[in-house]
N, C-alpha and C. Protein backbone atom coordinates (compact mmCIF):
# COMPACT_ATOMS: atom_id res chain seq x y z
N UNK A 1 117.28 132.09 117.32
CA UNK A 1 115.85 132.47 116.35
C UNK A 1 116.13 131.69 114.73
N UNK A 2 115.06 131.56 114.17
CA UNK A 2 115.29 131.04 113.10
C UNK A 2 115.71 132.09 111.92
N UNK A 3 116.18 131.41 110.71
CA UNK A 3 116.35 132.21 109.76
C UNK A 3 115.27 132.98 109.16
N UNK A 4 115.23 134.15 108.87
CA UNK A 4 114.07 135.05 108.30
C UNK A 4 113.65 134.64 106.92
N UNK A 5 114.49 133.61 106.12
CA UNK A 5 114.11 133.00 104.57
C UNK A 5 113.46 131.84 105.03
N UNK A 6 113.26 131.28 106.65
CA UNK A 6 112.55 130.46 106.27
C UNK A 6 110.93 130.50 106.25
N UNK A 7 110.62 131.76 105.94
CA UNK A 7 109.17 132.30 106.19
C UNK A 7 108.83 132.83 104.87
N UNK A 8 109.68 132.77 104.24
CA UNK A 8 109.53 133.13 102.68
C UNK A 8 109.14 132.04 101.59
N UNK A 9 107.93 132.40 100.79
CA UNK A 9 107.68 131.32 99.77
C UNK A 9 108.77 131.20 98.92
N UNK A 10 108.74 129.93 98.36
CA UNK A 10 109.92 129.56 97.30
C UNK A 10 109.27 128.43 96.41
N UNK A 11 109.59 128.82 95.25
CA UNK A 11 109.06 128.09 94.07
C UNK A 11 109.88 126.87 93.93
N UNK A 12 109.41 125.52 93.75
CA UNK A 12 110.13 124.30 93.23
C UNK A 12 109.28 124.04 91.87
N UNK A 13 110.14 123.63 91.04
CA UNK A 13 109.87 123.32 89.55
C UNK A 13 109.46 121.65 89.68
N UNK A 14 108.53 121.39 88.91
CA UNK A 14 107.88 120.08 88.98
C UNK A 14 108.23 119.07 87.56
N UNK A 15 108.36 118.11 87.91
CA UNK A 15 108.41 117.20 86.59
C UNK A 15 107.77 117.43 85.12
N UNK A 16 106.58 117.91 85.75
CA UNK A 16 105.78 118.22 84.35
C UNK A 16 105.62 119.56 83.70
N UNK A 17 107.00 120.40 84.07
CA UNK A 17 106.74 121.72 83.89
C UNK A 17 106.34 122.72 84.57
N UNK A 18 105.51 122.25 85.65
CA UNK A 18 104.80 123.47 86.36
C UNK A 18 105.68 123.70 87.30
N UNK A 19 105.26 124.48 88.33
CA UNK A 19 105.95 125.05 89.59
C UNK A 19 104.78 125.07 90.74
N UNK A 20 105.28 124.98 91.85
CA UNK A 20 104.36 124.81 93.04
C UNK A 20 105.34 125.74 93.96
N UNK A 21 104.45 126.85 94.46
CA UNK A 21 105.02 127.75 95.49
C UNK A 21 104.86 127.19 96.95
N UNK A 22 106.00 127.16 97.50
CA UNK A 22 105.83 126.74 98.97
C UNK A 22 106.26 127.78 99.62
N UNK A 23 104.87 127.65 100.75
CA UNK A 23 105.22 128.69 101.61
C UNK A 23 104.71 127.83 103.00
N UNK A 24 105.45 128.54 104.14
CA UNK A 24 105.36 128.13 105.50
C UNK A 24 103.57 128.16 105.51
N UNK A 25 103.21 126.81 105.90
CA UNK A 25 101.61 126.85 106.02
C UNK A 25 101.22 127.59 107.50
N UNK A 26 99.97 128.11 107.50
CA UNK A 26 99.39 128.49 108.21
C UNK A 26 98.88 127.74 109.55
N UNK A 27 98.96 128.03 110.84
CA UNK A 27 98.62 127.25 111.79
C UNK A 27 96.95 127.53 112.03
N UNK A 28 96.46 126.11 112.03
CA UNK A 28 94.89 126.52 112.27
C UNK A 28 94.62 125.60 113.66
N UNK A 29 94.21 126.33 114.49
CA UNK A 29 93.69 125.43 115.50
C UNK A 29 92.19 125.44 115.56
N UNK A 30 91.93 124.17 115.88
CA UNK A 30 90.45 123.70 116.10
C UNK A 30 89.86 124.02 117.31
N UNK A 31 88.82 124.81 117.85
CA UNK A 31 88.54 125.12 118.99
C UNK A 31 87.66 123.75 119.81
N UNK A 32 87.32 122.98 119.24
CA UNK A 32 86.42 121.77 119.69
C UNK A 32 86.42 120.54 119.08
N UNK A 33 85.52 119.57 119.61
CA UNK A 33 85.51 118.31 118.59
C UNK A 33 84.70 118.29 117.68
N UNK A 34 83.66 119.37 117.79
CA UNK A 34 82.57 119.58 117.02
C UNK A 34 82.89 120.25 115.52
N UNK A 35 84.26 120.61 115.68
CA UNK A 35 84.82 121.33 114.51
C UNK A 35 85.19 120.53 113.25
N UNK A 36 84.78 118.80 113.29
CA UNK A 36 85.06 117.99 112.25
C UNK A 36 83.95 117.23 112.05
N UNK A 37 83.83 116.78 111.07
CA UNK A 37 82.79 115.59 110.45
C UNK A 37 83.38 114.64 109.98
N UNK A 38 82.85 113.31 110.33
CA UNK A 38 83.50 112.32 109.56
C UNK A 38 82.52 111.36 109.04
N UNK A 39 82.60 111.14 108.10
CA UNK A 39 81.55 110.23 107.08
C UNK A 39 82.36 108.74 106.82
N UNK A 40 82.65 107.91 107.86
CA UNK A 40 83.40 106.58 107.28
C UNK A 40 82.39 105.77 106.38
N UNK A 41 81.33 105.85 106.01
CA UNK A 41 80.53 104.98 105.08
C UNK A 41 80.90 105.43 103.71
N UNK A 42 81.56 106.74 103.34
CA UNK A 42 81.84 107.15 101.85
C UNK A 42 82.78 106.27 101.56
N UNK A 43 82.51 105.77 100.22
CA UNK A 43 83.49 104.69 99.57
C UNK A 43 84.73 105.88 98.93
N UNK A 44 85.63 104.84 98.73
CA UNK A 44 87.03 105.68 98.10
C UNK A 44 86.39 106.03 96.69
N UNK A 45 86.78 107.21 96.24
CA UNK A 45 86.50 107.57 95.08
C UNK A 45 87.39 107.29 93.80
N UNK A 46 86.87 106.41 92.71
CA UNK A 46 87.59 106.01 91.63
C UNK A 46 88.14 107.05 90.55
N UNK A 47 89.73 107.29 90.58
CA UNK A 47 89.66 108.50 89.46
C UNK A 47 90.76 107.58 88.43
N UNK A 48 90.31 108.05 87.30
CA UNK A 48 89.74 109.21 86.89
C UNK A 48 88.14 109.46 87.27
N UNK A 49 87.66 110.54 87.45
CA UNK A 49 86.38 110.64 87.91
C UNK A 49 86.26 112.07 88.43
N UNK A 50 84.87 112.19 88.61
CA UNK A 50 84.51 113.40 89.60
C UNK A 50 84.06 113.12 91.11
N UNK A 51 84.36 114.05 91.78
CA UNK A 51 84.20 113.80 93.26
C UNK A 51 83.12 115.05 93.84
N UNK A 52 81.83 114.83 94.20
CA UNK A 52 81.09 115.78 94.61
C UNK A 52 81.31 116.22 95.95
N UNK A 53 81.59 117.52 96.15
CA UNK A 53 81.97 117.89 97.37
C UNK A 53 81.85 117.38 98.52
N UNK A 54 80.31 116.87 98.76
CA UNK A 54 79.67 116.44 99.91
C UNK A 54 80.24 115.12 100.26
N UNK A 55 80.84 114.37 99.01
CA UNK A 55 81.36 113.10 99.41
C UNK A 55 82.72 113.11 100.25
N UNK A 56 82.97 113.86 101.06
CA UNK A 56 84.22 113.79 101.61
C UNK A 56 84.34 112.52 102.90
N UNK A 57 85.48 112.36 103.16
CA UNK A 57 85.55 111.38 104.28
C UNK A 57 85.80 112.21 105.69
N UNK A 58 86.39 113.42 105.58
CA UNK A 58 86.37 114.25 106.85
C UNK A 58 86.28 115.56 106.26
N UNK A 59 85.73 116.45 107.06
CA UNK A 59 85.61 117.94 106.71
C UNK A 59 86.04 118.63 108.29
N UNK A 60 86.81 119.57 107.86
CA UNK A 60 87.32 120.19 109.28
C UNK A 60 86.83 121.92 109.09
N UNK A 61 86.22 122.25 109.71
CA UNK A 61 85.60 123.88 109.56
C UNK A 61 86.09 124.72 110.74
N UNK A 62 86.99 124.37 111.36
CA UNK A 62 87.29 125.50 112.46
C UNK A 62 86.33 126.07 113.42
N UNK A 63 85.14 125.09 113.25
CA UNK A 63 83.95 125.44 114.41
C UNK A 63 83.52 126.92 114.20
N UNK A 64 83.07 127.03 113.12
CA UNK A 64 82.60 128.23 112.38
C UNK A 64 80.92 128.59 112.58
N UNK A 65 80.22 127.11 112.98
CA UNK A 65 79.03 127.29 113.14
C UNK A 65 78.80 127.20 114.86
N UNK A 66 78.07 127.99 115.26
CA UNK A 66 77.75 128.01 116.28
C UNK A 66 76.36 127.48 116.84
N UNK A 67 75.41 127.45 116.15
CA UNK A 67 73.81 127.05 116.39
C UNK A 67 73.70 125.92 115.71
N UNK A 68 74.08 125.61 114.37
CA UNK A 68 73.59 124.24 113.90
C UNK A 68 75.11 123.77 113.12
N UNK A 69 75.06 122.63 113.61
CA UNK A 69 76.45 121.68 113.09
C UNK A 69 76.29 120.47 112.81
N UNK A 70 75.87 120.44 111.24
CA UNK A 70 75.38 119.62 110.56
C UNK A 70 76.52 119.05 109.73
N UNK A 71 76.49 117.76 108.93
CA UNK A 71 77.51 117.52 108.14
C UNK A 71 77.09 117.85 106.56
N UNK A 72 77.59 117.92 105.54
CA UNK A 72 77.42 118.86 104.23
C UNK A 72 76.44 117.69 103.85
N UNK A 73 75.68 118.04 102.82
CA UNK A 73 74.84 117.38 101.83
C UNK A 73 75.55 116.70 100.87
N UNK A 74 75.65 115.53 100.30
CA UNK A 74 76.30 115.04 99.32
C UNK A 74 76.14 115.17 97.87
N UNK A 75 74.96 115.93 97.83
CA UNK A 75 74.55 116.47 96.46
C UNK A 75 74.71 117.71 96.12
N UNK A 76 74.70 118.58 97.19
CA UNK A 76 74.76 120.31 96.88
C UNK A 76 76.20 120.72 96.89
N UNK A 77 76.53 122.14 96.63
CA UNK A 77 78.06 122.85 96.84
C UNK A 77 77.94 122.89 98.26
N UNK A 78 79.24 123.24 98.43
CA UNK A 78 79.43 123.56 99.96
C UNK A 78 79.50 125.25 99.76
N UNK A 79 78.65 125.80 100.51
CA UNK A 79 78.31 127.03 100.52
C UNK A 79 79.48 128.06 101.51
N UNK A 80 80.01 128.91 100.81
CA UNK A 80 80.95 129.93 101.34
C UNK A 80 82.00 129.22 102.54
N UNK A 81 83.15 128.82 101.76
CA UNK A 81 84.28 128.20 102.26
C UNK A 81 85.24 129.25 103.22
N UNK A 82 85.38 129.00 104.70
CA UNK A 82 86.40 130.00 105.09
C UNK A 82 87.45 129.63 105.14
N UNK A 83 88.61 130.40 105.25
CA UNK A 83 89.94 129.97 105.51
C UNK A 83 90.10 129.16 106.75
N UNK A 84 90.85 128.39 106.67
CA UNK A 84 91.18 127.30 107.51
C UNK A 84 90.32 126.15 107.53
N UNK A 85 89.24 125.91 106.59
CA UNK A 85 88.68 124.75 106.38
C UNK A 85 89.61 123.74 105.79
N UNK A 86 89.34 122.29 106.18
CA UNK A 86 89.89 121.45 104.92
C UNK A 86 88.76 120.51 104.96
N UNK A 87 88.99 119.87 103.73
CA UNK A 87 88.04 118.69 103.08
C UNK A 87 89.03 117.82 102.79
N UNK A 88 88.62 116.61 103.22
CA UNK A 88 89.65 115.33 102.74
C UNK A 88 88.61 114.14 102.17
N UNK A 89 89.41 113.60 100.98
CA UNK A 89 88.60 112.60 100.09
C UNK A 89 89.62 111.63 100.13
N UNK A 90 89.09 110.20 100.00
CA UNK A 90 89.70 109.13 99.86
C UNK A 90 89.74 108.71 98.33
N UNK A 91 90.82 108.61 97.73
CA UNK A 91 90.81 108.30 96.30
C UNK A 91 91.39 106.67 95.86
N UNK A 92 91.08 106.13 94.46
CA UNK A 92 91.63 104.95 94.40
C UNK A 92 92.01 105.19 92.82
N UNK A 93 93.31 105.75 92.51
CA UNK A 93 93.70 106.20 91.29
C UNK A 93 94.22 104.63 90.42
N UNK A 94 93.15 104.34 89.28
CA UNK A 94 93.56 103.34 88.65
C UNK A 94 94.52 103.31 87.55
N UNK A 95 94.68 104.60 87.19
CA UNK A 95 96.12 104.61 85.97
C UNK A 95 96.96 105.66 86.53
N UNK A 96 97.91 105.37 86.47
CA UNK A 96 99.19 106.79 87.06
C UNK A 96 99.41 107.44 85.81
N UNK A 97 99.82 108.54 86.20
CA UNK A 97 99.98 109.49 85.38
C UNK A 97 99.61 111.08 85.36
N UNK A 98 99.73 112.05 84.61
CA UNK A 98 99.11 113.38 84.88
C UNK A 98 97.87 113.33 84.64
N UNK A 99 96.84 114.08 85.64
CA UNK A 99 95.54 114.31 85.61
C UNK A 99 95.20 115.77 85.54
N UNK A 100 94.13 116.25 84.52
CA UNK A 100 93.64 117.26 84.56
C UNK A 100 92.86 117.51 85.87
N UNK A 101 93.14 118.40 86.84
CA UNK A 101 92.32 118.36 88.02
C UNK A 101 91.43 120.04 87.91
N UNK A 102 90.12 119.78 87.94
CA UNK A 102 89.66 121.16 88.18
C UNK A 102 88.44 121.33 89.45
N UNK A 103 88.36 122.33 89.94
CA UNK A 103 87.50 122.53 91.00
C UNK A 103 86.21 123.45 90.69
N UNK A 104 85.15 123.18 90.65
CA UNK A 104 83.91 124.06 90.24
C UNK A 104 83.84 124.96 91.19
N UNK A 105 84.08 126.10 91.08
CA UNK A 105 83.67 127.25 92.28
C UNK A 105 82.84 128.28 91.59
N UNK A 106 82.25 128.98 92.68
CA UNK A 106 81.28 130.26 92.26
C UNK A 106 82.01 131.00 93.46
N UNK A 107 81.88 132.73 92.95
CA UNK A 107 82.20 133.70 94.03
C UNK A 107 81.48 134.93 93.41
N UNK A 108 80.93 135.42 94.53
CA UNK A 108 80.23 136.70 93.86
C UNK A 108 80.99 137.77 93.12
N UNK A 109 80.39 138.60 92.74
CA UNK A 109 81.13 139.82 91.80
C UNK A 109 81.93 140.62 92.49
N UNK A 110 81.74 140.97 93.83
CA UNK A 110 82.71 141.75 94.78
C UNK A 110 83.75 140.90 95.52
N UNK A 111 84.01 139.78 94.95
CA UNK A 111 85.01 138.70 95.96
C UNK A 111 86.37 139.09 95.28
N UNK A 112 87.16 139.53 96.20
CA UNK A 112 88.63 139.84 95.53
C UNK A 112 89.51 138.81 95.48
N UNK A 113 89.16 137.60 95.91
CA UNK A 113 90.00 136.29 95.54
C UNK A 113 90.52 135.66 96.76
N UNK A 114 90.76 134.23 96.76
CA UNK A 114 91.18 133.36 97.63
C UNK A 114 92.39 132.35 97.31
N UNK A 115 92.54 131.59 98.21
CA UNK A 115 93.51 130.30 97.61
C UNK A 115 93.04 129.07 98.67
N UNK A 116 93.46 128.13 97.69
CA UNK A 116 93.07 126.85 98.17
C UNK A 116 94.45 125.56 97.84
N UNK A 117 94.93 124.91 98.87
CA UNK A 117 96.04 124.10 98.50
C UNK A 117 95.44 122.59 98.11
N UNK A 118 96.26 121.97 97.30
CA UNK A 118 95.50 120.68 96.62
C UNK A 118 96.93 119.90 97.20
N UNK A 119 96.18 118.79 98.18
CA UNK A 119 97.40 117.98 99.07
C UNK A 119 97.14 116.71 98.66
N UNK A 120 98.05 116.12 98.22
CA UNK A 120 98.01 114.35 97.97
C UNK A 120 98.91 113.82 99.05
N UNK A 121 98.35 112.80 99.97
CA UNK A 121 99.02 112.01 100.81
C UNK A 121 100.09 112.84 101.69
N UNK A 122 99.77 114.17 101.85
CA UNK A 122 100.24 115.04 102.86
C UNK A 122 101.31 115.76 102.26
N UNK A 123 101.32 115.96 101.24
CA UNK A 123 102.27 116.60 100.15
C UNK A 123 101.53 117.63 99.44
N UNK A 124 101.99 118.98 99.78
CA UNK A 124 101.17 120.19 98.96
C UNK A 124 101.84 120.11 97.43
N UNK A 125 100.76 119.89 96.51
CA UNK A 125 101.17 119.39 95.05
C UNK A 125 100.70 121.22 94.35
N UNK A 126 99.92 121.67 94.73
CA UNK A 126 99.42 123.11 94.02
C UNK A 126 98.72 123.86 94.99
N UNK A 127 98.90 125.14 94.86
CA UNK A 127 98.35 126.04 95.27
C UNK A 127 97.49 126.90 94.35
N UNK A 128 96.11 127.10 94.49
CA UNK A 128 95.25 127.39 93.45
C UNK A 128 94.71 128.82 93.91
N UNK A 129 94.65 129.64 93.02
CA UNK A 129 93.92 130.75 93.18
C UNK A 129 92.41 130.81 92.89
N UNK A 130 91.36 131.27 93.68
CA UNK A 130 90.22 131.29 93.35
C UNK A 130 89.74 132.94 93.05
N UNK A 131 89.25 133.17 92.05
CA UNK A 131 88.69 134.65 91.61
C UNK A 131 87.18 134.70 91.41
N UNK A 132 86.66 136.02 91.50
CA UNK A 132 85.42 136.06 91.21
C UNK A 132 84.99 135.45 89.82
N UNK A 133 83.74 134.81 90.09
CA UNK A 133 83.12 134.13 88.78
C UNK A 133 81.75 134.96 88.32
N UNK A 134 81.46 136.00 89.01
CA UNK A 134 80.22 137.10 88.84
C UNK A 134 79.37 136.80 89.43
N UNK A 135 79.00 135.81 90.29
CA UNK A 135 78.07 135.40 91.30
C UNK A 135 78.17 134.32 91.86
N UNK A 136 77.30 134.11 92.95
CA UNK A 136 77.06 133.02 93.56
C UNK A 136 76.84 131.61 93.15
N UNK A 137 75.78 131.88 91.86
CA UNK A 137 75.47 130.48 91.26
C UNK A 137 76.15 130.88 89.58
N UNK A 138 77.07 131.50 89.48
CA UNK A 138 77.83 131.79 87.89
C UNK A 138 79.30 130.79 88.41
N UNK A 139 79.12 129.34 87.73
CA UNK A 139 80.17 128.32 87.99
C UNK A 139 81.17 128.33 87.25
N UNK A 140 82.34 128.22 87.62
CA UNK A 140 83.64 128.40 86.68
C UNK A 140 84.47 127.16 87.34
N UNK A 141 85.58 126.86 86.57
CA UNK A 141 86.55 126.13 86.96
C UNK A 141 87.78 126.50 87.10
N UNK A 142 88.41 125.90 88.19
CA UNK A 142 89.79 126.36 88.45
C UNK A 142 90.85 125.14 87.99
N UNK A 143 91.66 125.33 87.12
CA UNK A 143 92.59 124.23 86.55
C UNK A 143 93.80 124.14 86.97
N UNK A 144 94.18 122.92 87.07
CA UNK A 144 95.74 122.60 87.24
C UNK A 144 96.26 120.85 86.70
N UNK A 145 97.06 120.68 86.79
CA UNK A 145 97.67 119.57 86.32
C UNK A 145 98.32 118.80 87.53
N UNK A 146 97.92 117.50 87.86
CA UNK A 146 99.09 116.82 89.17
C UNK A 146 99.12 115.64 88.45
N UNK A 147 100.24 115.07 89.29
CA UNK A 147 100.65 113.62 88.93
C UNK A 147 100.24 112.89 89.88
N UNK A 148 99.64 111.61 89.53
CA UNK A 148 99.42 110.76 90.49
C UNK A 148 99.65 109.20 90.15
N UNK A 149 100.02 108.83 91.19
CA UNK A 149 100.62 106.98 91.01
C UNK A 149 99.18 106.29 91.25
N UNK A 150 99.53 105.02 90.79
CA UNK A 150 98.14 104.41 90.82
C UNK A 150 98.00 103.97 92.26
N UNK A 151 96.92 103.54 93.06
CA UNK A 151 96.78 103.06 94.08
C UNK A 151 95.91 104.05 95.00
N UNK A 152 95.73 103.56 96.27
CA UNK A 152 95.15 104.49 97.08
C UNK A 152 95.92 105.74 97.65
N UNK A 153 95.06 106.83 97.73
CA UNK A 153 95.59 107.92 98.02
C UNK A 153 94.57 108.81 99.12
N UNK A 154 95.01 109.68 99.66
CA UNK A 154 94.21 110.73 100.45
C UNK A 154 94.47 111.91 99.82
N UNK A 155 93.34 112.83 99.31
CA UNK A 155 93.47 113.85 98.67
C UNK A 155 92.82 114.84 99.51
N UNK A 156 93.36 116.26 99.88
CA UNK A 156 92.96 117.15 100.80
C UNK A 156 92.94 118.43 99.95
N UNK A 157 91.98 119.44 100.41
CA UNK A 157 92.08 120.45 100.07
C UNK A 157 91.97 121.67 101.20
N UNK A 158 92.85 122.54 101.26
CA UNK A 158 93.05 123.40 102.48
C UNK A 158 92.75 124.67 102.08
N UNK A 159 91.68 125.41 102.69
CA UNK A 159 91.30 127.01 102.16
C UNK A 159 92.47 127.75 102.94
N UNK A 160 92.94 128.43 102.16
CA UNK A 160 94.17 129.40 102.78
C UNK A 160 93.18 130.71 102.62
N UNK A 161 92.38 131.22 101.71
CA UNK A 161 91.85 132.10 101.70
C UNK A 161 90.48 131.86 101.13
N UNK A 162 89.26 132.21 102.09
CA UNK A 162 88.04 131.90 101.87
C UNK A 162 87.17 133.00 100.96
N UNK A 163 85.51 132.70 101.11
CA UNK A 163 84.65 133.14 100.58
C UNK A 163 84.20 133.18 99.29
N UNK A 164 84.19 131.83 99.25
CA UNK A 164 83.88 131.28 97.70
C UNK A 164 83.26 129.77 97.88
N UNK A 165 82.54 129.29 96.95
CA UNK A 165 81.58 128.14 97.15
C UNK A 165 82.64 126.97 96.35
N UNK A 166 82.07 125.65 96.49
CA UNK A 166 82.80 124.95 95.95
C UNK A 166 81.86 123.63 95.56
N UNK A 167 81.72 123.08 94.48
CA UNK A 167 80.74 122.21 93.88
C UNK A 167 81.34 120.65 93.71
N UNK A 168 82.67 120.64 92.97
CA UNK A 168 83.13 119.63 93.13
C UNK A 168 84.53 119.50 92.39
N UNK A 169 85.32 118.14 92.57
CA UNK A 169 86.57 118.16 92.00
C UNK A 169 86.46 117.27 91.12
N UNK A 170 86.93 117.61 89.66
CA UNK A 170 87.44 116.67 88.77
C UNK A 170 88.65 116.18 88.56
N UNK A 171 88.88 114.91 88.26
CA UNK A 171 90.40 114.37 88.13
C UNK A 171 90.31 113.55 86.82
N UNK A 172 90.63 114.17 85.72
CA UNK A 172 90.16 113.40 84.33
C UNK A 172 91.57 113.39 83.59
């Protein structure tokens, strides 16, 4: 048997003075091939810049829709993210350095919170909390800072606790 401490979260200091909480990642099982959408025609997003949520390269949704299974619109927000969902974006970072990252979110007044992981090239950089914004169309930003090197990267958002909407990601 493994050590029980292996399942406890641990805080790791970052070079920018922040702290990331490392937790054992939940296992997500996708029940069928229809649980993901790929959009190979989507170009890499240049950063600094804004990434509309529908401009993903891959979207894994754990087969939550049973009747209609269509790709997201590139123009509107993603409605009601559920735990286990993952959005993957391709990015071309023009200048290395710290980036102010914000997620544009909305959540109903009765929402009691959720979490999302910001992953760059397979490495969990931040775990962010999403709180109620007061309504489904009352948008607010969840902010953090992340260090990015110049070059091509894969940026993923993994939803640990859902029940909120996402409109865009900004890296400025």
